[in-house]
Amino acid sequence: MCSLFGLIDFKECLSTHTKNKILNTLARECQVRGTDATGIAYNFNDRLRIYKRPLPARKMKIHIPHGVNVVMGHTRMTTQGNAQFNQNNHPFLGKIDGNCFALAHNGVLWNDKELRMEENLPLTSVETDSYVAVQLLEQQKSLDIQSISEMAELVEGSFVFTVLDDKNNIYFVKGDNPLALYHYETCGLYVYASTEAILDRALMR
C-alpha cells in the first residue's frame, strides 16, 4: 500500500515556497500508506529530475527549484524489492526514443514475471513488480495515451500509475486503486493524492 501525490500549477500563480509547503505536507500525510521510501519527479532546465531516498517523508525535505510547475510524488510501503536499494524506489526513470519519463505506481502487479518472459523484456537489477510498466512503455515508439493504455491493458493486478514526461505532460491511469484529484480553478491548481482523506488532511494543514 503506497501513496501517490503531486501538484500541477497550470497558471503558474503559486510561489515556489507555497508549492514546497504543499508538497512536504502532502508527502507527510501520505506516510499513512508507506514510510519505506519517498520520491519526486519534475522537470527543470530542460531535464527530467528524479529525487528519491529510502526515507520516510518526515525525514526528507522536498525542495523544488523556482519555475517548476508539475511535480509527481510517491511514498512507498515495500511489497517487493528492498527499499534500501534506491533503484527499487519510485519514481522510476524510463526512456523512449531518447526522451525521458518518470513512472510511479500504487498497487501490486501479479503478472510482472510472466510479462518479462512473454514480452522478452531485458534483464534488470530493479526488483519491484512496478518496473515492468516502465519496460513495457520503453518498447513503444512514443509516449502517449495510446501507448500508456496498451501498457495498462497488459498488466494484471491493482494499480494507479502516474507518468510524467520531459515535456511536462502528466498522465494518470486509474485501475481499481484509489486516487483523488482536486481542482482549484481560481488559482489554477490541481492537487492529487491516493485518497481524499490524505488530501483533506494535508490541505487543512
Protein backbone atom coordinates (compact mmCIF):
# COMPACT_ATOMS: atom_id res chain seq x y z
CA MET A 1 0.00 0.00 0.00
CA CYS A 2 1.86 3.06 -1.30
CA SER A 3 0.66 6.58 -1.97
CA LEU A 4 0.88 8.89 -4.94
CA PHE A 5 0.82 12.67 -4.57
CA GLY A 6 1.63 15.80 -6.51
CA LEU A 7 0.54 19.11 -7.95
CA ILE A 8 0.06 20.93 -11.23
CA ASP A 9 0.34 24.72 -11.03
CA PHE A 10 -1.02 25.27 -14.55
CA LYS A 11 -1.50 29.05 -14.24
CA GLU A 12 1.93 29.44 -12.59
CA CYS A 13 0.39 31.55 -9.84
CA LEU A 14 1.85 29.94 -6.72
CA SER A 15 5.18 30.88 -5.21
CA THR A 16 7.91 28.26 -5.01
CA HIS A 17 7.70 28.49 -1.22
CA THR A 18 3.96 27.67 -1.31
CA LYS A 19 4.47 24.73 -3.67
CA ASN A 20 7.21 23.31 -1.47
CA LYS A 21 4.99 23.69 1.58
CA ILE A 22 2.11 21.88 -0.16
CA LEU A 23 4.39 19.07 -1.37
CA ASN A 24 6.04 18.48 2.00
CA THR A 25 2.67 18.48 3.77
CA LEU A 26 1.17 16.11 1.21
CA ALA A 27 4.15 13.75 1.44
CA ARG A 28 3.97 13.61 5.22
CA GLU A 29 0.25 12.89 5.17
CA CYS A 30 0.94 10.11 2.65
CA GLN A 31 3.08 8.32 5.25
CA VAL A 32 -0.09 6.54 6.44
CA ARG A 33 0.30 4.44 3.28
CA GLY A 34 4.06 3.93 3.35
CA THR A 35 7.26 5.07 5.08
CA ASP A 36 9.94 2.93 3.43
CA ALA A 37 10.89 5.48 0.75
CA THR A 38 9.89 8.87 -0.66
CA GLY A 39 10.48 10.27 -4.13
CA ILE A 40 9.51 13.04 -6.52
CA ALA A 41 9.96 13.79 -10.23
CA TYR A 42 9.85 17.14 -12.03
CA ASN A 43 11.33 18.98 -14.99
CA PHE A 44 13.92 21.73 -14.52
CA ASN A 45 16.28 23.38 -17.01
CA ASP A 46 15.02 21.15 -19.82
CA ARG A 47 15.79 17.95 -17.95
CA LEU A 48 13.66 15.47 -16.07
CA ARG A 49 14.87 15.15 -12.48
CA ILE A 50 14.11 12.33 -10.06
CA TYR A 51 14.94 12.67 -6.39
CA LYS A 52 14.22 9.67 -4.14
CA ARG A 53 15.58 8.25 -0.91
CA PRO A 54 14.88 5.20 1.32
CA LEU A 55 13.45 7.51 3.97
CA PRO A 56 10.00 8.35 5.34
CA ALA A 57 8.66 11.69 4.11
CA ARG A 58 9.05 13.27 7.56
CA LYS A 59 12.83 12.79 7.28
CA MET A 60 13.15 14.01 3.71
CA LYS A 61 12.92 17.70 2.83
CA ILE A 62 11.32 18.25 -0.57
CA HIS A 63 12.67 21.38 -2.20
CA ILE A 64 11.79 22.09 -5.83
CA PRO A 65 13.54 24.99 -7.59
CA HIS A 66 11.87 28.13 -8.90
CA GLY A 67 9.97 27.61 -12.14
CA VAL A 68 8.84 24.02 -11.51
CA ASN A 69 5.08 23.75 -12.01
CA VAL A 70 4.39 20.00 -12.27
CA VAL A 71 5.56 17.58 -9.59
CA MET A 72 4.85 13.86 -9.27
CA GLY A 73 5.49 12.14 -5.91
CA HIS A 74 5.36 8.75 -4.20
CA THR A 75 5.67 7.31 -0.71
CA ARG A 76 6.43 3.62 -0.55
CA MET A 77 5.42 0.62 1.51
CA THR A 78 7.63 -2.23 0.30
CA THR A 79 5.93 -5.30 -1.13
CA GLN A 80 8.72 -6.45 -3.44
CA GLY A 81 12.31 -5.19 -3.75
CA ASN A 82 14.38 -3.92 -0.83
CA ALA A 83 13.82 -0.17 -0.33
CA GLN A 84 17.39 0.27 0.90
CA PHE A 85 18.46 -0.24 -2.71
CA ASN A 86 17.30 3.08 -4.11
CA GLN A 87 16.85 1.65 -7.61
CA ASN A 88 13.78 -0.19 -6.27
CA ASN A 89 12.05 3.02 -5.18
CA HIS A 90 9.65 5.23 -7.11
CA PRO A 91 9.53 7.20 -9.34
CA PHE A 92 11.37 5.13 -11.95
CA LEU A 93 13.19 6.61 -14.93
CA GLY A 94 12.38 5.37 -18.43
CA LYS A 95 13.38 6.35 -21.97
CA ILE A 96 11.58 6.16 -25.30
CA ASP A 97 13.42 7.22 -28.44
CA GLY A 98 15.78 9.40 -26.41
CA ASN A 99 13.01 11.10 -24.44
CA CYS A 100 12.78 10.54 -20.69
CA PHE A 101 9.79 9.84 -18.48
CA ALA A 102 9.16 9.06 -14.83
CA LEU A 103 6.64 6.49 -13.61
CA ALA A 104 5.17 5.87 -10.15
CA HIS A 105 2.76 3.11 -9.15
CA ASN A 106 0.41 2.41 -6.28
CA GLY A 107 -0.72 -1.19 -6.05
CA VAL A 108 0.53 -4.70 -6.70
CA LEU A 109 1.07 -6.29 -10.12
CA TRP A 110 0.61 -10.06 -10.30
CA ASN A 111 1.94 -10.90 -13.73
CA ASP A 112 5.24 -8.98 -13.89
CA LYS A 113 7.40 -12.12 -14.13
CA GLU A 114 5.18 -13.62 -16.84
CA LEU A 115 5.24 -10.36 -18.82
CA ARG A 116 9.02 -10.19 -18.70
CA MET A 117 9.16 -13.60 -20.37
CA GLU A 118 6.24 -13.17 -22.77
CA GLU A 119 7.35 -9.73 -23.96
CA ASN A 120 11.06 -10.63 -23.97
CA LEU A 121 11.88 -7.70 -21.67
CA PRO A 122 15.56 -7.08 -20.84
CA LEU A 123 17.07 -8.26 -17.58
CA THR A 124 17.21 -5.58 -14.91
CA SER A 125 18.59 -5.18 -11.40
CA VAL A 126 15.34 -3.47 -10.31
CA GLU A 127 13.40 -5.95 -8.17
CA THR A 128 9.97 -4.31 -7.94
CA ASP A 129 6.90 -5.53 -9.80
CA SER A 130 6.12 -1.93 -10.83
CA TYR A 131 9.19 -1.65 -13.04
CA VAL A 132 7.66 -3.92 -15.66
CA ALA A 133 5.36 -0.99 -16.56
CA VAL A 134 8.44 1.12 -17.38
CA GLN A 135 9.88 -1.66 -19.53
CA LEU A 136 6.60 -2.14 -21.40
CA LEU A 137 6.46 1.57 -22.19
CA GLU A 138 10.08 1.57 -23.32
CA GLN A 139 9.15 -0.93 -26.03
CA GLN A 140 6.81 1.62 -27.59
CA LYS A 141 7.74 4.15 -30.27
CA SER A 142 6.24 7.08 -28.36
CA LEU A 143 4.79 8.01 -25.00
CA ASP A 144 1.15 9.00 -25.36
CA ILE A 145 -2.35 8.00 -24.31
CA GLN A 146 -2.32 5.04 -26.70
CA SER A 147 0.99 3.54 -25.54
CA ILE A 148 0.13 4.06 -21.86
CA SER A 149 -3.29 2.45 -22.39
CA GLU A 150 -1.66 -0.55 -24.05
CA MET A 151 0.69 -0.96 -21.10
CA ALA A 152 -2.23 -0.80 -18.64
CA GLU A 153 -4.11 -3.45 -20.63
CA LEU A 154 -1.18 -5.87 -20.31
CA VAL A 155 -0.59 -5.65 -16.56
CA GLU A 156 -2.77 -7.53 -14.10
CA GLY A 157 -3.31 -6.51 -10.51
CA SER A 158 -4.28 -3.41 -8.59
CA PHE A 159 -2.90 -0.12 -9.80
CA VAL A 160 -2.85 3.57 -10.29
CA PHE A 161 0.02 4.85 -12.44
CA THR A 162 1.28 8.38 -12.82
CA VAL A 163 3.63 9.14 -15.71
CA LEU A 164 5.49 12.43 -16.22
CA ASP A 165 7.36 13.07 -19.46
CA ASP A 166 10.17 15.50 -20.16
CA LYS A 167 7.74 17.92 -21.84
CA ASN A 168 5.80 18.37 -18.56
CA ASN A 169 2.84 16.22 -19.62
CA ILE A 170 1.48 14.15 -16.75
CA TYR A 171 -0.73 11.10 -17.28
CA PHE A 172 -2.96 9.33 -14.75
CA VAL A 173 -4.01 5.71 -15.25
CA LYS A 174 -6.52 4.56 -12.66
CA GLY A 175 -7.28 0.90 -12.15
CA ASP A 176 -9.11 -0.27 -9.04
CA ASN A 177 -6.86 1.53 -6.55
CA PRO A 178 -7.95 4.91 -5.17
CA LEU A 179 -6.95 8.34 -6.48
CA ALA A 180 -8.29 11.76 -5.51
CA LEU A 181 -7.73 14.92 -7.56
CA TYR A 182 -8.83 18.41 -6.52
CA HIS A 183 -9.10 21.31 -8.97
CA TYR A 184 -8.78 24.90 -7.76
CA GLU A 185 -9.82 26.83 -10.84
CA THR A 186 -9.31 30.34 -9.49
CA CYS A 187 -5.66 29.86 -8.58
CA GLY A 188 -5.02 27.43 -11.43
CA LEU A 189 -4.04 24.42 -9.34
CA TYR A 190 -4.55 20.67 -9.35
CA VAL A 191 -3.52 18.72 -6.26
CA TYR A 192 -3.73 14.94 -6.01
CA ALA A 193 -3.11 12.08 -3.60
CA SER A 194 -4.10 8.45 -3.29
CA THR A 195 -7.10 9.16 -1.05
CA GLU A 196 -9.46 12.02 -0.37
CA ALA A 197 -8.70 11.73 3.36
CA ILE A 198 -4.99 12.38 2.72
CA LEU A 199 -5.79 15.40 0.55
CA ASP A 200 -8.21 16.83 3.09
CA ARG A 201 -5.77 16.47 5.99
CA ALA A 202 -2.91 18.00 4.02
CA LEU A 203 -4.93 20.95 2.77
CA MET A 204 -6.37 21.63 6.23
CA ARG A 205 -2.78 21.91 7.47
